[in-house]
């Protein structure tokens, strides 16, 4: 799923076209939407498209990655706080729900929320009101909520890690985005799209994909989906130095070879920011490995070809939420 600037996103695969038809039906309604899909499939693009077609204000689209919120501040970020509510709260502050009033709030990785925060989110969805941390006065909010996750929320409900009542509230409409490996007809068009975009920024002609490169792209499983494809192509554009993109520029060898990225190889970049691209690619490989192993850090480290300690250090360095042990849901 990729924004194509004109029609919202690029949808070439038959399954993606059916998804788009569903979006056109759902978007104008006020119903909450739950978007499911692997990491990197384009859930945020879908959420932005829905918000743009929604009856709520198109100018108020607030997004937050729940996995990036610290446990101590998540409620303050979502619902706001009053002055003196906790150490450091020197002034009252509105939360993301208030910021999204009469608009859309996108809760990415909603499966990472703690049981306590899940309970407060459920109340907000049921009654249309929030209570700031340190306050007892409810505040009315009119917010359309779009949630997304790469996790299996139904299994989390069965395991006691996610509230069943909240799950029912979030999935009034559920949209599933297929992984890139299930829609191979989009791989080459997307690769050409990404190559063209970066080439325009570099003020150079878009490079062509050599036959060996197209074969490699189609043969790869893309565990990081579209996000990984974009990083791979952008790096290849730089490494090709204006010539055709070869298979060697893609660096798509066996999965364990990708572990070499964890050792931060020195790449002589032609443009500023290539180091950031490499870090993004590395982060996506780690997230993909965790997804593939169901958040088992030991198995993910083995898949990446590094020690568990190295993986743990990388999780901390990139701010990737460490898999939590199961906890019992609080009673509300």
Protein backbone atom coordinates (compact mmCIF):
# COMPACT_ATOMS: atom_id res chain seq x y z
CA UNK A 1 0.00 0.00 0.00
CA UNK A 2 1.64 3.20 -1.14
CA UNK A 3 0.31 6.73 -1.42
CA UNK A 4 0.28 7.67 -5.09
CA UNK A 5 -0.56 11.34 -4.46
CA UNK A 6 -3.55 11.23 -6.81
CA UNK A 7 -5.85 8.41 -5.80
CA UNK A 8 -4.80 7.81 -2.19
CA UNK A 9 -2.65 4.73 -2.72
CA UNK A 10 -1.34 2.38 -5.35
CA UNK A 11 -3.54 -0.73 -5.59
CA UNK A 12 -2.73 -3.07 -8.48
CA UNK A 13 -3.36 -6.50 -6.98
CA UNK A 14 -6.98 -7.76 -7.16
CA UNK A 15 -7.10 -8.19 -3.38
CA UNK A 16 -5.89 -4.63 -2.91
CA UNK A 17 -8.52 -3.33 -5.31
CA UNK A 18 -11.20 -5.09 -3.27
CA UNK A 19 -9.73 -3.51 -0.15
CA UNK A 20 -9.94 -0.11 -1.76
CA UNK A 21 -13.60 -0.65 -2.63
CA UNK A 22 -14.25 -1.51 1.03
CA UNK A 23 -12.43 1.65 2.09
CA UNK A 24 -14.60 3.80 -0.14
CA UNK A 25 -17.67 2.39 1.62
CA UNK A 26 -16.35 2.63 5.17
CA UNK A 27 -14.43 5.91 5.06
CA UNK A 28 -17.40 8.35 5.07
CA UNK A 29 -18.96 6.68 8.14
CA UNK A 30 -18.08 7.46 11.79
CA UNK A 31 -17.44 3.79 12.60
CA UNK A 32 -14.17 2.79 14.33
CA UNK A 33 -11.86 0.86 12.03
CA UNK A 34 -9.32 -1.82 12.93
CA UNK A 35 -6.53 -2.32 10.39
CA UNK A 36 -4.62 -5.60 10.58
CA UNK A 37 -1.46 -6.49 8.75
CA UNK A 38 2.20 -7.30 9.12
CA UNK A 39 4.72 -4.61 9.88
CA UNK A 40 5.43 -2.46 6.84
CA UNK A 41 2.31 -3.32 4.82
CA UNK A 42 1.00 0.26 4.77
CA UNK A 43 -1.47 0.46 7.65
CA UNK A 44 -0.73 4.14 8.25
CA UNK A 45 -1.35 5.00 4.60
CA UNK A 46 -4.74 3.29 4.80
CA UNK A 47 -5.56 5.21 8.00
CA UNK A 48 -4.62 8.52 6.36
CA UNK A 49 -6.78 7.70 3.34
CA UNK A 50 -9.77 6.88 5.56
CA UNK A 51 -9.29 10.12 7.50
CA UNK A 52 -9.15 12.10 4.27
CA UNK A 53 -12.49 10.65 3.15
CA UNK A 54 -14.10 10.82 6.59
CA UNK A 55 -16.98 13.04 7.64
CA UNK A 56 -14.70 14.33 10.41
CA UNK A 57 -12.30 17.19 9.82
CA UNK A 58 -9.62 16.23 7.32
CA UNK A 59 -7.25 18.75 8.90
CA UNK A 60 -7.24 16.94 12.22
CA UNK A 61 -5.47 13.64 11.74
CA UNK A 62 -3.46 12.78 14.85
CA UNK A 63 -1.34 9.65 14.89
CA UNK A 64 0.56 7.90 17.65
CA UNK A 65 2.56 4.69 17.83
CA UNK A 66 1.43 3.08 21.06
CA UNK A 67 4.59 0.97 21.20
CA UNK A 68 6.69 4.13 21.47
CA UNK A 69 4.84 5.48 24.52
CA UNK A 70 6.46 4.79 27.88
CA UNK A 71 4.26 3.06 30.44
CA UNK A 72 4.55 6.00 32.83
CA UNK A 73 3.42 8.64 30.33
CA UNK A 74 1.01 6.81 28.02
CA UNK A 75 -2.14 7.99 29.83
CA UNK A 76 -0.90 11.58 29.92
CA UNK A 77 -0.10 11.47 26.20
CA UNK A 78 -3.50 10.08 25.24
CA UNK A 79 -5.79 11.82 27.73
CA UNK A 80 -3.79 14.83 28.91
CA UNK A 81 -2.97 15.91 32.47
CA UNK A 82 -3.57 18.72 34.93
CA UNK A 83 -0.94 20.86 36.59
CA UNK A 84 0.66 18.98 39.48
CA UNK A 85 -0.71 15.60 38.40
CA UNK A 86 2.80 14.15 38.65
CA UNK A 87 6.38 15.28 38.99
CA UNK A 88 7.18 17.52 36.04
CA UNK A 89 3.57 18.42 35.27
CA UNK A 90 4.14 22.16 35.67
CA UNK A 91 1.21 23.15 33.46
CA UNK A 92 -2.01 21.56 32.23
CA UNK A 93 -1.74 19.80 28.88
CA UNK A 94 -4.28 18.42 26.47
CA UNK A 95 -3.83 14.87 25.29
CA UNK A 96 -4.01 13.41 21.82
CA UNK A 97 -7.74 12.76 22.07
CA UNK A 98 -8.40 16.44 22.70
CA UNK A 99 -5.98 17.39 19.93
CA UNK A 100 -7.95 15.16 17.56
CA UNK A 101 -11.36 16.55 18.59
CA UNK A 102 -13.72 16.55 15.60
CA UNK A 103 -11.04 14.70 13.65
CA UNK A 104 -9.38 11.28 13.53
CA UNK A 105 -6.98 9.63 15.97
CA UNK A 106 -4.82 6.82 14.58
CA UNK A 107 -3.64 4.39 17.26
CA UNK A 108 -0.87 2.39 15.63
CA UNK A 109 0.20 -0.83 17.39
CA UNK A 110 -2.79 -0.65 19.71
CA UNK A 111 -1.95 -4.16 20.94
CA UNK A 112 0.93 -2.69 22.95
CA UNK A 113 -1.32 -0.76 25.36
CA UNK A 114 -1.31 -1.84 29.00
CA UNK A 115 -4.48 -3.24 30.63
CA UNK A 116 -4.99 0.01 32.59
CA UNK A 117 -4.79 2.13 29.46
CA UNK A 118 -7.04 -0.30 27.60
CA UNK A 119 -9.71 0.27 30.26
CA UNK A 120 -9.52 4.06 29.91
CA UNK A 121 -9.57 3.79 26.11
CA UNK A 122 -12.69 1.63 26.31
CA UNK A 123 -14.44 4.26 28.44
CA UNK A 124 -13.55 6.96 25.95
CA UNK A 125 -14.93 4.95 23.04
CA UNK A 126 -18.14 4.07 24.90
CA UNK A 127 -18.98 7.49 26.37
CA UNK A 128 -17.13 9.91 24.10
CA UNK A 129 -15.28 11.54 26.98
CA UNK A 130 -11.83 11.61 28.53
CA UNK A 131 -10.58 12.41 32.01
CA UNK A 132 -7.19 14.05 32.25
CA UNK A 133 -4.62 12.56 34.64
CA UNK A 134 -5.00 14.38 37.95
CA UNK A 135 -8.60 15.41 37.26
CA UNK A 136 -12.06 14.02 37.96
CA UNK A 137 -13.90 16.18 35.44
CA UNK A 138 -14.81 14.42 32.18
CA UNK A 139 -14.33 16.27 28.91
CA UNK A 140 -16.37 15.54 25.82
CA UNK A 141 -14.49 14.55 22.67
CA UNK A 142 -15.76 13.76 19.19
CA UNK A 143 -13.04 11.60 17.70
CA UNK A 144 -13.09 8.88 15.11
CA UNK A 145 -10.61 6.19 16.16
CA UNK A 146 -8.68 4.10 13.68
CA UNK A 147 -6.53 1.41 15.28
CA UNK A 148 -3.89 -0.83 13.75
CA UNK A 149 -1.69 -3.69 14.83
CA UNK A 150 0.49 -6.44 13.44
CA UNK A 151 -0.46 -8.68 16.36
CA UNK A 152 -3.22 -11.30 16.48
CA UNK A 153 -5.67 -9.51 18.77
CA UNK A 154 -8.06 -12.47 18.87
CA UNK A 155 -5.26 -14.65 20.25
CA UNK A 156 -4.30 -11.88 22.69
CA UNK A 157 -7.90 -11.82 23.93
CA UNK A 158 -7.80 -15.59 24.44
CA UNK A 159 -4.47 -15.27 26.25
CA UNK A 160 -5.80 -12.50 28.51
CA UNK A 161 -3.48 -9.85 27.08
CA UNK A 162 -6.17 -7.70 25.46
CA UNK A 163 -9.64 -6.76 26.66
CA UNK A 164 -12.39 -8.52 24.74
CA UNK A 165 -14.82 -5.62 25.18
CA UNK A 166 -12.26 -3.18 23.79
CA UNK A 167 -11.56 -5.50 20.88
CA UNK A 168 -15.27 -5.52 20.02
CA UNK A 169 -15.40 -1.72 20.19
CA UNK A 170 -12.39 -1.27 17.93
CA UNK A 171 -13.34 -3.73 15.22
CA UNK A 172 -16.69 -2.33 14.10
CA UNK A 173 -15.01 -2.64 10.71
CA UNK A 174 -11.89 -4.76 10.24
CA UNK A 175 -9.60 -4.36 7.24
CA UNK A 176 -6.80 -6.82 6.57
CA UNK A 177 -3.87 -5.78 4.40
CA UNK A 178 -2.18 -8.76 2.73
CA UNK A 179 1.62 -9.00 2.94
CA UNK A 180 3.68 -8.01 -0.07
CA UNK A 181 4.64 -11.63 -0.77
CA UNK A 182 0.94 -12.34 -1.41
CA UNK A 183 0.67 -9.59 -4.05
CA UNK A 184 3.77 -10.03 -6.15
CA UNK A 185 2.25 -8.15 -9.10
CA UNK A 186 2.90 -4.94 -7.14
CA UNK A 187 6.59 -5.53 -6.36
CA UNK A 188 8.11 -4.22 -9.60
CA UNK A 189 5.73 -1.25 -10.02
CA UNK A 190 6.42 -0.23 -6.43
CA UNK A 191 10.16 -0.64 -6.93
CA UNK A 192 10.02 1.64 -9.97
CA UNK A 193 7.90 4.13 -8.04
CA UNK A 194 10.40 4.30 -5.16
CA UNK A 195 13.37 4.51 -7.51
CA UNK A 196 11.72 7.36 -9.41
CA UNK A 197 10.94 9.32 -6.27
CA UNK A 198 14.48 9.22 -4.92
CA UNK A 199 15.97 9.90 -8.35
CA UNK A 200 13.93 13.09 -8.61
CA UNK A 201 15.27 14.18 -5.25
CA UNK A 202 18.80 13.46 -6.48
CA UNK A 203 18.04 15.26 -9.75
CA UNK A 204 19.07 12.33 -11.88
CA UNK A 205 17.23 10.03 -14.32
CA UNK A 206 15.48 7.08 -12.75
CA UNK A 207 17.66 3.97 -13.11
CA UNK A 208 16.30 0.92 -14.86
CA UNK A 209 16.12 -2.43 -13.12
CA UNK A 210 18.44 -5.00 -14.71
CA UNK A 211 16.81 -8.39 -15.42
CA UNK A 212 18.87 -9.97 -12.65
CA UNK A 213 17.54 -7.35 -10.22
CA UNK A 214 13.90 -7.94 -11.16
CA UNK A 215 14.41 -11.68 -10.70
CA UNK A 216 15.90 -11.08 -7.26
CA UNK A 217 13.07 -8.76 -6.25
CA UNK A 218 10.41 -11.27 -7.27
CA UNK A 219 12.18 -14.20 -5.60
CA UNK A 220 12.57 -12.48 -2.22
CA UNK A 221 9.94 -13.07 0.50
CA UNK A 222 9.88 -9.45 1.84
CA UNK A 223 9.39 -10.06 5.57
CA UNK A 224 9.50 -6.28 6.07
CA UNK A 225 6.93 -5.76 3.29
CA UNK A 226 6.62 -2.41 1.48
CA UNK A 227 8.71 -0.52 4.02
CA UNK A 228 11.59 -2.92 3.47
CA UNK A 229 11.17 -2.72 -0.31
CA UNK A 230 11.39 1.07 -0.19
CA UNK A 231 14.59 1.03 1.86
CA UNK A 232 16.14 -1.63 -0.37
CA UNK A 233 15.35 0.30 -3.55
CA UNK A 234 16.46 3.67 -2.18
CA UNK A 235 19.77 2.19 -1.09
CA UNK A 236 20.17 0.51 -4.47
CA UNK A 237 19.56 3.80 -6.29
CA UNK A 238 22.41 5.37 -4.34
CA UNK A 239 24.73 2.40 -4.76
CA UNK A 240 24.08 2.18 -8.52
CA UNK A 241 25.59 5.67 -8.97
CA UNK A 242 23.25 6.57 -11.81
CA UNK A 243 23.61 3.29 -13.69
CA UNK A 244 21.18 0.38 -13.86
CA UNK A 245 20.28 -1.32 -10.60
CA UNK A 246 21.93 -4.74 -10.41
CA UNK A 247 21.14 -7.62 -8.09
CA UNK A 248 24.29 -6.85 -6.10
CA UNK A 249 22.96 -3.36 -5.31
CA UNK A 250 19.86 -4.87 -3.69
CA UNK A 251 21.76 -6.96 -1.12
CA UNK A 252 18.98 -9.55 -1.03
CA UNK A 253 20.92 -12.67 -0.18
CA UNK A 254 19.72 -15.29 2.29
CA UNK A 255 18.11 -13.97 5.50
CA UNK A 256 21.22 -14.55 7.61
CA UNK A 257 23.22 -12.31 5.32
CA UNK A 258 20.87 -9.51 6.33
CA UNK A 259 22.36 -9.88 9.79
CA UNK A 260 25.41 -8.16 8.40
CA UNK A 261 23.37 -4.97 8.59
CA UNK A 262 23.42 -5.38 12.36
CA UNK A 263 27.15 -4.83 12.33
CA UNK A 264 26.63 -1.39 10.75
CA UNK A 265 28.86 -1.68 7.66
CA UNK A 266 30.41 1.52 6.43
CA UNK A 267 28.71 2.55 3.24
CA UNK A 268 30.11 5.49 1.30
CA UNK A 269 26.95 7.48 0.64
CA UNK A 270 26.45 10.01 -2.12
CA UNK A 271 23.62 11.80 -0.37
CA UNK A 272 23.08 13.03 3.15
CA UNK A 273 20.89 10.74 5.17
CA UNK A 274 22.03 7.38 3.78
CA UNK A 275 23.18 6.39 7.26
CA UNK A 276 19.65 7.00 8.47
CA UNK A 277 18.30 4.84 5.64
CA UNK A 278 20.62 2.00 6.67
CA UNK A 279 19.48 2.33 10.29
CA UNK A 280 15.84 2.27 9.17
CA UNK A 281 16.49 -0.85 7.12
CA UNK A 282 18.22 -2.48 10.05
CA UNK A 283 15.34 -1.61 12.38
CA UNK A 284 12.81 -3.07 9.93
CA UNK A 285 14.80 -6.32 9.73
CA UNK A 286 14.72 -6.61 13.54
CA UNK A 287 10.98 -5.93 13.74
CA UNK A 288 10.34 -8.42 10.91
CA UNK A 289 12.39 -11.10 12.70
CA UNK A 290 10.42 -10.55 15.91
CA UNK A 291 7.16 -10.82 13.98
CA UNK A 292 8.31 -14.00 12.27
CA UNK A 293 9.23 -15.61 15.61
CA UNK A 294 6.13 -14.35 17.45
CA UNK A 295 8.20 -11.94 19.56
CA UNK A 296 10.61 -14.64 20.75
CA UNK A 297 13.86 -12.71 21.22
CA UNK A 298 16.07 -15.78 21.35
CA UNK A 299 14.72 -17.17 18.08
CA UNK A 300 14.78 -13.73 16.47
CA UNK A 301 18.45 -13.35 17.37
CA UNK A 302 19.18 -16.74 15.81
CA UNK A 303 17.32 -15.77 12.65
CA UNK A 304 19.33 -12.56 12.40
CA UNK A 305 22.60 -14.35 13.13
CA UNK A 306 23.50 -12.30 16.22
CA UNK A 307 23.65 -12.93 19.94
CA UNK A 308 20.64 -12.28 22.12
CA UNK A 309 22.58 -9.55 23.93
CA UNK A 310 23.27 -7.79 20.62
CA UNK A 311 19.59 -7.98 19.75
CA UNK A 312 18.61 -6.60 23.16
CA UNK A 313 21.02 -3.69 22.70
CA UNK A 314 19.53 -2.98 19.28
CA UNK A 315 15.97 -3.04 20.68
CA UNK A 316 16.98 -0.42 23.22
CA UNK A 317 18.90 1.66 20.67
CA UNK A 318 15.98 1.81 18.23
CA UNK A 319 13.27 2.19 20.86
CA UNK A 320 11.57 -1.06 19.86
CA UNK A 321 9.19 -2.22 22.57
CA UNK A 322 10.50 -5.37 24.23
CA UNK A 323 7.93 -8.21 24.31
CA UNK A 324 6.14 -8.11 27.63
CA UNK A 325 5.35 -11.08 29.81
CA UNK A 326 1.66 -11.85 30.05
CA UNK A 327 -0.16 -9.97 32.77
CA UNK A 328 -3.65 -10.37 34.08
CA UNK A 329 -6.18 -7.77 32.96
CA UNK A 330 -7.27 -5.35 35.63
CA UNK A 331 -10.89 -5.24 36.62
CA UNK A 332 -12.58 -1.97 35.79
